Amino acid sequence: MARNDTEATAVEEPRTTVYLGNRKAISIGPDGERTAYPGKQCTTIVLRPGVTLMEAAQEITSANGVWAAHSDASGPAWVAAEGPLAEGLAQLLAAHYKAELRDVERPGVPDAD
């Protein structure tokens, strides 16, 4: 069958990834029980395509948000991000949580200091 070059090929929209230094990381089981992880962790959040800066901030910081579901700390020790919303979102989160603002380190993700 001949290929139709006029068909649009799906191109995935670039996504923002947020890294949060988590010194009290937890997981929540199906029964709602909170289980602590020992040591320093990095909570990684890959934002959904099309999310706005304010939607992302709300989804991370709200009482039922991503941070509350992954930590027993009041806020992260540090914040780093990469992608389309990285600069503004990282600054907003760092100010909100009074956390250190970091650059994303390579290779991989920032350490959990």
Protein backbone atom coordinates (compact mmCIF):
# COMPACT_ATOMS: atom_id res chain seq x y z
CA MET A 1 0.00 0.00 0.00
CA ALA A 2 1.35 3.44 -0.91
CA ARG A 3 2.18 5.84 1.90
CA ASN A 4 0.20 9.06 2.00
CA ASP A 5 2.73 11.85 2.63
CA THR A 6 -0.03 14.34 3.34
CA GLU A 7 -1.02 12.55 6.55
CA ALA A 8 0.15 14.43 9.58
CA THR A 9 2.59 12.56 11.74
CA ALA A 10 1.98 12.84 15.46
CA VAL A 11 4.69 14.83 17.20
CA GLU A 12 4.70 14.66 20.96
CA GLU A 13 4.58 18.04 22.65
CA PRO A 14 7.69 18.80 24.76
CA ARG A 15 7.05 18.17 28.45
CA THR A 16 8.43 19.75 31.59
CA THR A 17 10.08 17.59 34.24
CA VAL A 18 10.32 18.83 37.83
CA TYR A 19 12.77 17.39 40.37
CA LEU A 20 12.12 17.93 44.10
CA GLY A 21 14.61 17.12 46.86
CA ASN A 22 12.61 14.93 49.22
CA ARG A 23 13.98 14.23 52.71
CA LYS A 24 10.76 12.59 53.97
CA ALA A 25 9.62 10.57 50.96
CA ILE A 26 6.59 8.34 51.38
CA SER A 27 4.32 6.10 49.39
CA ILE A 28 0.62 5.73 50.07
CA GLY A 29 -0.79 2.21 49.84
CA PRO A 30 -4.26 1.24 48.60
CA ASP A 31 -5.45 1.26 52.22
CA GLY A 32 -4.19 4.84 52.68
CA GLU A 33 -1.29 3.79 54.88
CA ARG A 34 1.78 6.01 54.50
CA THR A 35 5.11 4.17 54.25
CA ALA A 36 8.35 6.16 54.69
CA TYR A 37 11.45 5.73 52.52
CA PRO A 38 14.77 6.14 54.34
CA GLY A 39 17.34 8.76 53.31
CA LYS A 40 17.31 11.55 50.79
CA GLN A 41 15.21 11.02 47.66
CA CYS A 42 14.42 12.90 44.46
CA THR A 43 10.73 13.10 43.57
CA THR A 44 10.41 13.38 39.78
CA ILE A 45 7.27 14.82 38.18
CA VAL A 46 6.70 14.74 34.41
CA LEU A 47 3.97 17.22 33.60
CA ARG A 48 1.15 16.34 31.23
CA PRO A 49 1.20 17.90 27.76
CA GLY A 50 -0.60 21.22 27.50
CA VAL A 51 -0.53 22.03 31.22
CA THR A 52 -0.18 25.73 32.07
CA LEU A 53 2.28 27.11 34.61
CA MET A 54 -0.46 27.83 37.16
CA GLU A 55 -2.16 24.45 36.65
CA ALA A 56 1.17 22.70 37.20
CA ALA A 57 1.90 24.72 40.34
CA GLN A 58 -1.57 23.96 41.74
CA GLU A 59 -1.31 20.24 40.95
CA ILE A 60 2.03 20.02 42.75
CA THR A 61 1.36 22.27 45.77
CA SER A 62 -2.31 21.71 46.69
CA ALA A 63 -3.25 19.84 49.86
CA ASN A 64 -4.11 16.77 47.74
CA GLY A 65 -1.35 17.43 45.21
CA VAL A 66 1.70 15.58 44.04
CA TRP A 67 4.00 16.80 46.83
CA ALA A 68 1.54 15.84 49.60
CA ALA A 69 1.18 12.37 48.06
CA HIS A 70 4.95 11.81 48.01
CA SER A 71 6.31 13.47 51.15
CA ASP A 72 5.72 14.04 54.83
CA ALA A 73 7.88 17.19 54.67
CA SER A 74 6.23 20.59 54.42
CA GLY A 75 8.22 21.28 51.25
CA PRO A 76 11.19 20.06 49.22
CA ALA A 77 14.77 20.87 50.18
CA TRP A 78 15.47 22.01 46.63
CA VAL A 79 13.77 22.41 43.24
CA ALA A 80 15.08 21.89 39.70
CA ALA A 81 13.28 21.59 36.37
CA GLU A 82 13.80 21.21 32.64
CA GLY A 83 11.50 21.72 29.68
CA PRO A 84 9.14 24.42 28.41
CA LEU A 85 7.84 25.59 31.81
CA ALA A 86 11.08 24.90 33.71
CA GLU A 87 12.36 28.36 34.54
CA GLY A 88 9.10 29.92 35.68
CA LEU A 89 7.79 26.84 37.46
CA ALA A 90 11.04 26.12 39.30
CA GLN A 91 11.22 29.73 40.50
CA LEU A 92 7.58 29.68 41.58
CA LEU A 93 7.95 26.38 43.48
CA ALA A 94 11.23 27.42 45.13
CA ALA A 95 9.64 30.67 46.32
CA HIS A 96 6.47 28.91 47.50
CA TYR A 97 8.34 26.27 49.48
CA LYS A 98 11.27 28.53 50.46
CA ALA A 99 13.53 25.91 48.88
CA GLU A 100 16.90 26.11 47.14
CA LEU A 101 16.63 26.61 43.37
CA ARG A 102 19.03 24.31 41.50
CA ASP A 103 20.03 23.61 37.93
CA VAL A 104 19.38 20.11 36.61
CA GLU A 105 22.64 18.19 36.85
CA ARG A 106 23.85 15.83 34.12
CA PRO A 107 24.09 12.92 33.66
CA GLY A 108 20.78 11.81 35.13
CA VAL A 109 18.96 13.92 37.70
CA PRO A 110 20.19 16.05 40.60
CA ASP A 111 21.52 14.22 43.64
CA ALA A 112 19.33 14.17 46.72
CA ASP A 113 21.44 16.46 48.93
